[in-house]
């Protein structure tokens, strides 16, 4: 059984970015964040993505070497103390699953590929956690292959977007041989502007009073400007023009020699500067200040909030709010969803008492959202529901977890062959069975007796207990349960046994 870590104990975030892999270890005590340890490796995973969207073996090996180092540092940590996330490069890579299998084996825990908007939300969470403020704030984070922009106030995120342009990808595209010219800079700025142009009305200066630059590119430029005495660390259009002029005069990435600029930033600085200057000029950023927090701190703070929610009798975390919003948006019959959730949870907990809290939550979310597809069509609504869940923006969920919940919803009715691969996971199989049994029992959309059915696991055999008096009064439901047993007999990894 999984042991919950102390709420004020150390937590770890593994941030697998397109340019760097980072390990952050921190703790939150009395609401304050404190760093315990930090390791950064310049992996350049994004530079190993070819035109076909395939990660090269060289890039894969660089990533695995870094993760081995992180795994050694995390050897004493429980699984619940760690969260590992991957960003744009692994959102794009066609062979990401093959890489993730190897990476997870090396790291010793699951790796979550998060969507661009979820990355943006976590970046804002990190900035707010280390630099709380009350004014309307724009946070900008230029990564290796994506740029995130977030508007918020206090802890609340108002708008979060991710754009598929970053310092690595833009440098590789417009400065592939390392040569730096004014024409190449102009072309890179036009390309960056084309990516973010659609957001001009959303993130314009009328919507915020403070602009903060998070993480790599903004931090590097801020340090450079301060070291050179150009500004006190603030990023201004004039300061950016000075930086660009210095790079053009250098003529080549290998000839960049600027005090205050770390060597590992030389190779990606042209693209990063082109994006920063484009954002400053397009969005009226006259004074972009460096932020203290970033994605990795946001991951730790978000993990801490999840643990707090779990320890306080299911105080809601951000994923619960996302589920409630999806229910509202798609007009879900919440009374029916509650019936299915209560029964499915009761059956699953009885059959799999050692399930992790996340396994239980994923089943509950699938129950809560199993009928959202009815907004599209009653016919085959489970397929519509699964599609909507796979593609909806749902704050707090990684792409992996959102896909698992969607697969559960897809499996709620009909044949089992459509989720045959996923059923190889025994936990997933028990989740599916509990959901299907609950949907069958609640099919009449009327109040149900939660205690009329019981479920027990005997190896791979699922033993269903049915109260005789209830069975006699509900022959149609018993008929459906008999058909369900036949469905598992044909294609399922479990065998459902009904009373004789």
Protein backbone atom coordinates (compact mmCIF):
# COMPACT_ATOMS: atom_id res chain seq x y z
CA UNK A 1 0.00 0.00 0.00
CA UNK A 2 1.30 3.44 -0.94
CA UNK A 3 2.44 5.58 1.99
CA UNK A 4 1.64 9.28 1.86
CA UNK A 5 4.67 11.52 2.45
CA UNK A 6 4.72 14.19 5.15
CA UNK A 7 3.17 17.39 3.86
CA UNK A 8 6.16 19.43 5.06
CA UNK A 9 8.71 16.87 3.84
CA UNK A 10 10.84 17.04 0.69
CA UNK A 11 9.19 16.73 -2.72
CA UNK A 12 10.89 16.40 -6.10
CA UNK A 13 10.13 17.56 -9.63
CA UNK A 14 11.81 16.20 -12.75
CA UNK A 15 11.38 18.69 -15.60
CA UNK A 16 12.28 17.13 -18.96
CA UNK A 17 12.45 20.22 -21.14
CA UNK A 18 13.45 20.55 -24.77
CA UNK A 19 16.76 22.21 -23.92
CA UNK A 20 17.53 21.13 -20.34
CA UNK A 21 16.54 18.40 -17.91
CA UNK A 22 16.18 19.68 -14.35
CA UNK A 23 15.73 18.06 -10.97
CA UNK A 24 14.35 20.29 -8.24
CA UNK A 25 13.97 19.14 -4.64
CA UNK A 26 12.08 21.44 -2.34
CA UNK A 27 9.67 21.58 0.55
CA UNK A 28 6.77 23.77 1.54
CA UNK A 29 6.64 24.67 5.20
CA UNK A 30 4.04 27.04 6.62
CA UNK A 31 3.20 28.15 3.10
CA UNK A 32 6.79 29.04 2.17
CA UNK A 33 8.79 27.29 -0.57
CA UNK A 34 12.38 26.29 0.22
CA UNK A 35 14.82 24.73 -2.22
CA UNK A 36 16.79 21.74 -0.95
CA UNK A 37 18.68 20.72 -4.08
CA UNK A 38 18.84 21.52 -7.79
CA UNK A 39 20.52 19.71 -10.68
CA UNK A 40 20.49 20.89 -14.29
CA UNK A 41 21.75 19.03 -17.36
CA UNK A 42 21.87 20.63 -20.82
CA UNK A 43 20.44 17.70 -22.79
CA UNK A 44 19.20 19.47 -25.96
CA UNK A 45 16.53 16.83 -26.49
CA UNK A 46 14.70 19.16 -28.87
CA UNK A 47 17.77 19.46 -31.09
CA UNK A 48 17.56 15.70 -31.65
CA UNK A 49 14.12 15.88 -33.27
CA UNK A 50 14.44 15.38 -37.04
CA UNK A 51 12.16 16.54 -39.87
CA UNK A 52 10.07 13.38 -39.52
CA UNK A 53 9.44 14.07 -35.86
CA UNK A 54 11.71 11.28 -34.65
CA UNK A 55 14.12 11.59 -31.73
CA UNK A 56 17.67 10.60 -32.61
CA UNK A 57 19.41 7.90 -30.59
CA UNK A 58 22.10 10.42 -29.63
CA UNK A 59 19.48 12.72 -28.07
CA UNK A 60 17.82 9.77 -26.36
CA UNK A 61 21.13 8.72 -24.82
CA UNK A 62 21.80 12.25 -23.55
CA UNK A 63 18.42 12.17 -21.87
CA UNK A 64 18.96 8.75 -20.31
CA UNK A 65 22.35 9.75 -18.89
CA UNK A 66 20.73 12.72 -17.18
CA UNK A 67 17.85 10.65 -15.81
CA UNK A 68 20.28 8.10 -14.36
CA UNK A 69 21.91 10.91 -12.41
CA UNK A 70 18.53 12.08 -11.17
CA UNK A 71 17.51 8.53 -10.21
CA UNK A 72 20.60 8.16 -8.03
CA UNK A 73 19.74 11.37 -6.19
CA UNK A 74 16.12 10.24 -5.73
CA UNK A 75 16.92 6.72 -4.54
CA UNK A 76 15.64 7.39 -1.01
CA UNK A 77 12.38 9.05 -2.15
CA UNK A 78 8.97 7.37 -2.12
CA UNK A 79 7.06 7.39 -5.39
CA UNK A 80 4.45 9.78 -3.99
CA UNK A 81 7.17 12.38 -3.33
CA UNK A 82 8.17 12.68 -6.99
CA UNK A 83 6.49 13.97 -10.12
CA UNK A 84 8.20 13.85 -13.52
CA UNK A 85 6.88 15.87 -16.45
CA UNK A 86 7.89 16.17 -20.10
CA UNK A 87 7.08 19.08 -22.39
CA UNK A 88 7.06 20.16 -26.05
CA UNK A 89 9.66 17.84 -27.59
CA UNK A 90 7.88 14.78 -26.25
CA UNK A 91 4.52 16.26 -27.22
CA UNK A 92 5.85 16.31 -30.80
CA UNK A 93 8.06 13.20 -31.02
CA UNK A 94 6.50 10.37 -32.99
CA UNK A 95 8.66 7.83 -31.15
CA UNK A 96 7.98 9.30 -27.72
CA UNK A 97 6.44 6.10 -26.34
CA UNK A 98 9.58 4.11 -27.12
CA UNK A 99 11.67 6.78 -25.41
CA UNK A 100 9.35 7.00 -22.41
CA UNK A 101 9.56 3.25 -21.81
CA UNK A 102 13.34 3.47 -21.58
CA UNK A 103 13.28 6.72 -19.62
CA UNK A 104 10.78 5.42 -17.05
CA UNK A 105 12.86 2.29 -16.52
CA UNK A 106 15.95 4.42 -15.86
CA UNK A 107 14.18 6.96 -13.65
CA UNK A 108 12.18 4.31 -11.82
CA UNK A 109 8.84 6.07 -12.03
CA UNK A 110 6.16 7.20 -14.49
CA UNK A 111 6.75 10.26 -16.65
CA UNK A 112 3.79 12.49 -17.54
CA UNK A 113 3.67 14.26 -20.89
CA UNK A 114 1.78 17.48 -20.15
CA UNK A 115 -0.11 19.64 -22.63
CA UNK A 116 1.06 23.13 -23.50
CA UNK A 117 -1.69 24.78 -21.49
CA UNK A 118 -1.01 22.56 -18.50
CA UNK A 119 2.67 23.48 -18.76
CA UNK A 120 1.64 27.15 -18.79
CA UNK A 121 -0.57 26.69 -15.71
CA UNK A 122 2.24 25.01 -13.79
CA UNK A 123 4.71 27.73 -14.78
CA UNK A 124 2.34 30.35 -13.37
CA UNK A 125 1.88 28.25 -10.21
CA UNK A 126 5.66 28.22 -9.73
CA UNK A 127 6.01 31.95 -10.28
CA UNK A 128 3.13 32.75 -7.93
CA UNK A 129 4.47 30.35 -5.30
CA UNK A 130 7.88 32.02 -5.16
CA UNK A 131 6.86 35.55 -6.06
CA UNK A 132 3.30 36.18 -4.83
CA UNK A 133 1.70 39.45 -5.87
CA UNK A 134 -1.75 40.96 -6.23
CA UNK A 135 -1.52 42.94 -9.49
CA UNK A 136 -2.61 41.62 -12.88
CA UNK A 137 0.43 39.79 -14.20
CA UNK A 138 1.70 38.49 -17.52
CA UNK A 139 4.17 35.60 -17.23
CA UNK A 140 6.28 34.63 -20.26
CA UNK A 141 8.39 31.47 -20.47
CA UNK A 142 10.51 30.77 -23.56
CA UNK A 143 11.52 27.12 -23.61
CA UNK A 144 13.42 25.02 -26.10
CA UNK A 145 10.55 24.28 -28.48
CA UNK A 146 7.59 26.20 -27.03
CA UNK A 147 6.75 29.56 -25.50
CA UNK A 148 4.12 29.89 -22.79
CA UNK A 149 2.18 33.06 -21.96
CA UNK A 150 -0.09 33.30 -18.94
CA UNK A 151 -2.32 36.04 -17.57
CA UNK A 152 -3.30 35.84 -13.93
CA UNK A 153 -3.89 37.65 -10.69
CA UNK A 154 -2.86 36.20 -7.35
CA UNK A 155 -3.22 32.41 -7.56
CA UNK A 156 -5.84 32.59 -10.31
CA UNK A 157 -4.92 31.85 -13.92
CA UNK A 158 -7.17 33.78 -16.32
CA UNK A 159 -5.67 32.79 -19.70
CA UNK A 160 -2.90 30.30 -20.48
CA UNK A 161 -1.53 29.54 -23.94
CA UNK A 162 1.40 27.65 -25.43
CA UNK A 163 2.96 28.45 -28.80
CA UNK A 164 5.10 26.00 -30.78
CA UNK A 165 8.18 28.19 -31.07
CA UNK A 166 11.20 28.06 -28.78
CA UNK A 167 14.86 29.04 -28.55
CA UNK A 168 16.13 25.66 -29.78
CA UNK A 169 13.71 25.21 -32.68
CA UNK A 170 14.06 28.81 -33.91
CA UNK A 171 17.86 28.73 -33.68
CA UNK A 172 18.03 25.44 -35.62
CA UNK A 173 15.70 26.84 -38.29
CA UNK A 174 17.28 30.26 -38.90
CA UNK A 175 20.87 29.85 -37.63
CA UNK A 176 21.54 26.17 -38.51
CA UNK A 177 25.24 26.65 -39.34
CA UNK A 178 25.84 29.02 -36.43
CA UNK A 179 26.25 32.12 -38.62
CA UNK A 180 24.43 35.21 -37.28
CA UNK A 181 23.31 38.04 -39.57
CA UNK A 182 20.80 40.90 -39.38
CA UNK A 183 18.73 39.32 -42.17
CA UNK A 184 18.53 36.02 -40.30
CA UNK A 185 17.42 37.81 -37.15
CA UNK A 186 14.69 39.64 -39.05
CA UNK A 187 13.47 36.37 -40.59
CA UNK A 188 13.45 34.67 -37.19
CA UNK A 189 11.45 37.56 -35.71
CA UNK A 190 8.88 37.36 -38.50
CA UNK A 191 8.48 33.61 -37.91
CA UNK A 192 8.11 34.11 -34.14
CA UNK A 193 5.58 36.91 -34.73
CA UNK A 194 3.52 34.68 -37.00
CA UNK A 195 3.22 32.10 -34.21
CA UNK A 196 2.03 34.52 -31.53
CA UNK A 197 0.09 37.02 -33.65
CA UNK A 198 -3.26 35.41 -32.84
CA UNK A 199 -2.74 36.26 -29.16
CA UNK A 200 -2.20 40.02 -29.61
CA UNK A 201 -5.67 40.94 -28.35
CA UNK A 202 -5.57 38.49 -25.46
CA UNK A 203 -2.18 39.38 -23.96
CA UNK A 204 -1.98 43.06 -24.86
CA UNK A 205 -0.66 45.59 -22.30
CA UNK A 206 -4.17 46.71 -21.37
CA UNK A 207 -4.68 43.35 -19.66
CA UNK A 208 -1.75 43.46 -17.20
CA UNK A 209 0.33 45.82 -15.09
CA UNK A 210 3.37 43.61 -14.42
CA UNK A 211 5.30 41.40 -16.87
CA UNK A 212 7.58 38.61 -15.63
CA UNK A 213 9.95 36.40 -17.61
CA UNK A 214 10.37 32.88 -16.27
CA UNK A 215 13.12 30.30 -16.69
CA UNK A 216 15.99 29.86 -19.17
CA UNK A 217 15.98 32.49 -21.91
CA UNK A 218 14.57 35.36 -19.83
CA UNK A 219 16.90 34.53 -16.93
CA UNK A 220 19.97 34.34 -19.16
CA UNK A 221 19.23 37.66 -20.89
CA UNK A 222 18.45 39.35 -17.57
CA UNK A 223 21.80 38.22 -16.11
CA UNK A 224 23.62 39.30 -19.26
CA UNK A 225 22.12 42.81 -19.24
CA UNK A 226 22.90 43.23 -15.55
CA UNK A 227 26.49 41.98 -15.89
CA UNK A 228 27.09 44.36 -18.79
CA UNK A 229 25.62 47.31 -16.88
CA UNK A 230 22.93 47.86 -19.51
CA UNK A 231 20.05 47.51 -17.02
CA UNK A 232 19.58 46.38 -13.43
CA UNK A 233 18.35 43.02 -14.73
CA UNK A 234 15.16 44.26 -16.32
CA UNK A 235 14.65 43.25 -19.95
CA UNK A 236 13.85 46.25 -22.14
CA UNK A 237 13.52 46.70 -25.90
CA UNK A 238 16.68 48.81 -25.86
CA UNK A 239 18.56 46.12 -23.94
CA UNK A 240 17.39 43.45 -26.36
CA UNK A 241 18.53 45.52 -29.35
CA UNK A 242 21.96 45.84 -27.68
CA UNK A 243 22.13 42.04 -27.28
CA UNK A 244 21.10 41.41 -30.87
CA UNK A 245 23.66 43.92 -32.14
CA UNK A 246 26.41 42.17 -30.14
CA UNK A 247 25.49 38.79 -31.63
CA UNK A 248 25.43 40.17 -35.19
CA UNK A 249 28.87 41.68 -34.64
CA UNK A 250 30.13 38.35 -33.29
CA UNK A 251 28.96 36.79 -36.56
CA UNK A 252 28.87 33.20 -35.31
CA UNK A 253 27.59 31.36 -32.26
CA UNK A 254 31.12 30.11 -31.53
CA UNK A 255 32.41 33.70 -31.38
CA UNK A 256 29.94 34.95 -28.75
CA UNK A 257 31.96 36.25 -25.79
CA UNK A 258 29.84 38.21 -23.34
CA UNK A 259 30.41 38.53 -19.60
CA UNK A 260 27.40 37.27 -17.68
CA UNK A 261 26.34 34.74 -20.33
CA UNK A 262 26.86 31.08 -19.46
CA UNK A 263 28.49 28.92 -22.11
CA UNK A 264 25.57 26.52 -22.37
CA UNK A 265 23.36 29.42 -23.56
CA UNK A 266 25.46 30.37 -26.61
CA UNK A 267 23.98 27.72 -28.90
CA UNK A 268 20.36 28.77 -28.37
CA UNK A 269 20.65 32.50 -27.65
CA UNK A 270 19.89 33.77 -31.19
CA UNK A 271 16.50 32.08 -31.31
CA UNK A 272 15.70 33.06 -27.74
CA UNK A 273 16.55 36.72 -28.38
CA UNK A 274 14.45 36.77 -31.57
CA UNK A 275 11.43 35.52 -29.62
CA UNK A 276 12.00 37.88 -26.69
CA UNK A 277 12.34 40.93 -28.94
CA UNK A 278 9.22 39.92 -30.89
CA UNK A 279 7.19 39.55 -27.69
CA UNK A 280 8.48 42.84 -26.30
CA UNK A 281 7.59 44.78 -29.44
CA UNK A 282 4.26 43.04 -30.17
CA UNK A 283 2.90 43.02 -26.62
CA UNK A 284 4.23 46.32 -25.33
CA UNK A 285 6.67 44.83 -22.79
CA UNK A 286 8.76 47.89 -21.93
CA UNK A 287 9.98 46.37 -18.67
CA UNK A 288 10.07 42.56 -18.41
CA UNK A 289 11.32 41.56 -14.98
CA UNK A 290 12.94 38.17 -14.23
CA UNK A 291 10.68 35.82 -12.28
CA UNK A 292 11.83 33.71 -9.36
CA UNK A 293 9.70 30.64 -10.06
CA UNK A 294 9.35 28.30 -13.04
CA UNK A 295 7.79 25.03 -14.15
CA UNK A 296 9.77 22.83 -11.77
CA UNK A 297 8.66 24.75 -8.68
CA UNK A 298 5.10 24.77 -10.01
CA UNK A 299 5.18 20.98 -10.27
CA UNK A 300 6.26 20.69 -6.62
CA UNK A 301 3.66 23.19 -5.39
CA UNK A 302 0.94 21.44 -7.40
CA UNK A 303 2.04 18.06 -6.02
CA UNK A 304 1.91 19.49 -2.50
CA UNK A 305 -1.64 20.71 -3.10
CA UNK A 306 -2.66 17.26 -4.33
CA UNK A 307 -1.21 15.67 -1.21
CA UNK A 308 -3.02 18.21 0.96
CA UNK A 309 -6.29 17.39 -0.81
CA UNK A 310 -5.77 13.66 -0.30
CA UNK A 311 -4.88 14.05 3.38
CA UNK A 312 -7.85 16.25 4.19
CA UNK A 313 -10.61 13.87 3.15
CA UNK A 314 -10.67 14.74 -0.53
CA UNK A 315 -10.50 18.47 -0.39
CA UNK A 316 -10.75 19.33 -4.09
CA UNK A 317 -7.61 19.68 -6.16
CA UNK A 318 -7.50 21.46 -9.53
CA UNK A 319 -8.44 18.29 -11.42
CA UNK A 320 -11.74 18.06 -9.53
CA UNK A 321 -12.50 21.61 -10.63
CA UNK A 322 -11.71 20.65 -14.25
CA UNK A 323 -14.07 17.67 -14.06
CA UNK A 324 -16.84 19.84 -12.60
CA UNK A 325 -16.33 22.39 -15.39
CA UNK A 326 -16.54 19.66 -18.06
CA UNK A 327 -19.74 18.37 -16.48
CA UNK A 328 -21.20 21.88 -16.63
CA UNK A 329 -20.00 22.56 -20.16
CA UNK A 330 -21.47 19.36 -21.58
CA UNK A 331 -24.67 19.31 -19.52
CA UNK A 332 -23.97 16.08 -17.63
CA UNK A 333 -26.75 14.57 -15.51
CA UNK A 334 -24.79 14.93 -12.28
CA UNK A 335 -27.29 12.90 -10.23
CA UNK A 336 -26.79 9.92 -12.50
CA UNK A 337 -23.03 10.47 -12.55
CA UNK A 338 -23.03 10.44 -8.75
CA UNK A 339 -24.93 7.13 -8.65
CA UNK A 340 -22.44 5.50 -11.01
CA UNK A 341 -19.47 6.96 -9.12
CA UNK A 342 -20.65 5.74 -5.73
CA UNK A 343 -21.33 2.20 -6.89
CA UNK A 344 -18.26 1.83 -9.12
CA UNK A 345 -16.00 3.12 -6.32
CA UNK A 346 -17.54 0.73 -3.81
CA UNK A 347 -17.08 -2.27 -6.12
CA UNK A 348 -13.53 -1.33 -7.12
CA UNK A 349 -12.39 -0.65 -3.55
CA UNK A 350 -13.75 -4.03 -2.44
CA UNK A 351 -12.01 -5.90 -5.26
CA UNK A 352 -8.73 -3.92 -5.22
CA UNK A 353 -8.22 -2.70 -1.65
CA UNK A 354 -4.54 -1.85 -2.27
CA UNK A 355 -5.22 0.44 -5.25
CA UNK A 356 -3.38 3.75 -5.24
CA UNK A 357 -5.24 7.00 -4.56
CA UNK A 358 -4.68 8.01 -8.18
CA UNK A 359 -6.25 4.75 -9.44
CA UNK A 360 -9.34 5.48 -7.34
CA UNK A 361 -9.51 9.08 -8.50
CA UNK A 362 -9.19 8.16 -12.18
CA UNK A 363 -12.15 5.80 -11.84
CA UNK A 364 -14.19 8.49 -10.09
CA UNK A 365 -13.41 11.02 -12.82
CA UNK A 366 -14.34 8.51 -15.52
CA UNK A 367 -17.66 7.90 -13.77
CA UNK A 368 -18.30 11.64 -13.44
CA UNK A 369 -17.68 12.19 -17.17
CA UNK A 370 -18.84 8.94 -18.75
CA UNK A 371 -21.86 10.60 -20.37
CA UNK A 372 -20.41 13.90 -21.66
CA UNK A 373 -20.68 12.54 -25.21
CA UNK A 374 -24.47 12.59 -24.97
CA UNK A 375 -24.20 16.29 -25.81
CA UNK A 376 -23.07 15.13 -29.28
CA UNK A 377 -25.33 12.11 -29.74
CA UNK A 378 -27.00 9.49 -27.60
CA UNK A 379 -25.95 6.83 -30.12
CA UNK A 380 -22.46 5.56 -29.30
CA UNK A 381 -22.14 8.28 -26.67
CA UNK A 382 -19.27 6.40 -25.03
CA UNK A 383 -17.16 6.95 -28.15
CA UNK A 384 -18.05 10.64 -28.26
CA UNK A 385 -17.31 10.91 -24.55
CA UNK A 386 -13.88 9.32 -24.97
CA UNK A 387 -13.03 11.60 -27.89
CA UNK A 388 -14.05 14.74 -26.02
CA UNK A 389 -12.08 13.68 -22.95
CA UNK A 390 -8.98 12.97 -25.03
CA UNK A 391 -8.99 16.42 -26.60
CA UNK A 392 -10.48 18.75 -23.99
CA UNK A 393 -8.38 21.25 -22.07
CA UNK A 394 -8.45 19.96 -18.49
CA UNK A 395 -6.22 21.81 -16.04
CA UNK A 396 -4.23 19.57 -13.71
CA UNK A 397 -4.28 16.50 -15.96
CA UNK A 398 -1.26 15.23 -17.85
CA UNK A 399 -1.86 13.92 -21.37
CA UNK A 400 -1.18 10.40 -20.07
CA UNK A 401 -3.75 10.59 -17.30
CA UNK A 402 -6.36 12.26 -19.48
CA UNK A 403 -5.91 9.45 -22.00
CA UNK A 404 -6.34 6.78 -19.30
CA UNK A 405 -9.59 8.37 -18.10
CA UNK A 406 -10.79 8.58 -21.72
CA UNK A 407 -9.97 4.89 -22.24
CA UNK A 408 -12.00 3.98 -19.16
CA UNK A 409 -14.94 5.96 -20.53
CA UNK A 410 -14.59 4.28 -23.92
CA UNK A 411 -14.73 0.87 -22.23
CA UNK A 412 -17.95 1.57 -20.28
CA UNK A 413 -20.13 -0.39 -22.71
CA UNK A 414 -19.97 -2.58 -25.81
CA UNK A 415 -17.23 -5.02 -26.71
CA UNK A 416 -13.91 -5.07 -24.85
CA UNK A 417 -11.68 -5.57 -27.86
CA UNK A 418 -11.45 -1.80 -28.46
CA UNK A 419 -9.39 -1.47 -25.24
CA UNK A 420 -7.65 -4.84 -25.48
CA UNK A 421 -4.15 -3.34 -25.16
CA UNK A 422 -5.05 -1.29 -22.08
CA UNK A 423 -6.68 -4.30 -20.42
CA UNK A 424 -3.22 -5.84 -20.11
CA UNK A 425 -3.02 -3.68 -16.97
CA UNK A 426 -4.80 -5.61 -14.23
CA UNK A 427 -5.74 -2.40 -12.40
CA UNK A 428 -7.27 -0.96 -15.56
CA UNK A 429 -9.27 -4.18 -16.06
CA UNK A 430 -10.75 -3.95 -12.56
CA UNK A 431 -11.53 -0.26 -13.08
CA UNK A 432 -13.35 -1.09 -16.32
CA UNK A 433 -15.31 -3.91 -14.73
CA UNK A 434 -16.42 -1.73 -11.81
CA UNK A 435 -17.50 1.06 -14.17
CA UNK A 436 -19.43 -1.28 -16.47
CA UNK A 437 -21.21 -2.99 -13.58
CA UNK A 438 -22.19 0.40 -12.12
CA UNK A 439 -23.50 1.63 -15.48
CA UNK A 440 -25.59 -1.53 -15.84
CA UNK A 441 -27.06 -1.34 -12.37
CA UNK A 442 -27.89 2.37 -12.73
CA UNK A 443 -29.21 2.06 -16.30
CA UNK A 444 -32.79 2.87 -15.26
CA UNK A 445 -31.60 6.30 -14.00
CA UNK A 446 -33.43 5.87 -10.71
CA UNK A 447 -32.23 5.64 -7.09
CA UNK A 448 -30.23 2.43 -6.50
CA UNK A 449 -29.40 0.18 -3.58
CA UNK A 450 -25.61 0.41 -3.28
CA UNK A 451 -25.48 -2.77 -1.22
CA UNK A 452 -27.42 -5.04 -3.59
CA UNK A 453 -24.20 -5.95 -5.46
CA UNK A 454 -20.85 -6.96 -4.08
CA UNK A 455 -17.58 -7.73 -5.85
CA UNK A 456 -14.62 -9.81 -4.72
CA UNK A 457 -11.38 -10.76 -6.44
CA UNK A 458 -10.18 -14.35 -6.48
CA UNK A 459 -7.08 -14.09 -8.63
CA UNK A 460 -8.30 -13.26 -12.12
CA UNK A 461 -11.86 -14.24 -11.25
CA UNK A 462 -14.33 -11.52 -10.31
CA UNK A 463 -17.01 -12.93 -8.04
CA UNK A 464 -20.24 -10.94 -8.11
CA UNK A 465 -22.50 -11.21 -5.10
CA UNK A 466 -26.17 -10.45 -5.84
CA UNK A 467 -28.79 -10.30 -3.12
CA UNK A 468 -31.51 -12.83 -4.04
CA UNK A 469 -34.40 -10.56 -3.11
CA UNK A 470 -33.01 -7.74 -5.25
CA UNK A 471 -32.36 -10.13 -8.15
CA UNK A 472 -35.94 -11.34 -8.06
CA UNK A 473 -37.23 -7.75 -8.19
CA UNK A 474 -34.86 -6.70 -11.01
CA UNK A 475 -34.82 -9.43 -13.68
CA UNK A 476 -33.88 -7.02 -16.50
CA UNK A 477 -30.75 -5.86 -14.71
CA UNK A 478 -29.80 -9.47 -13.91
CA UNK A 479 -30.19 -10.27 -17.61
CA UNK A 480 -27.76 -7.43 -18.45
CA UNK A 481 -25.31 -8.67 -15.83
CA UNK A 482 -25.43 -12.14 -17.37
CA UNK A 483 -24.63 -10.65 -20.78
CA UNK A 484 -21.76 -8.75 -19.16
CA UNK A 485 -20.29 -12.00 -17.85
CA UNK A 486 -20.43 -13.39 -21.39
CA UNK A 487 -18.63 -10.32 -22.76
CA UNK A 488 -15.73 -10.86 -20.34
CA UNK A 489 -15.71 -14.56 -21.20
CA UNK A 490 -15.22 -13.68 -24.89
CA UNK A 491 -12.54 -10.99 -24.70
CA UNK A 492 -11.70 -9.94 -21.15
CA UNK A 493 -8.66 -10.77 -19.03
CA UNK A 494 -10.96 -11.27 -16.02
CA UNK A 495 -13.73 -13.81 -15.61
CA UNK A 496 -16.96 -12.52 -14.11
CA UNK A 497 -18.80 -15.17 -12.08
CA UNK A 498 -22.43 -14.64 -11.10
CA UNK A 499 -24.28 -16.62 -8.41
CA UNK A 500 -25.73 -19.90 -9.68
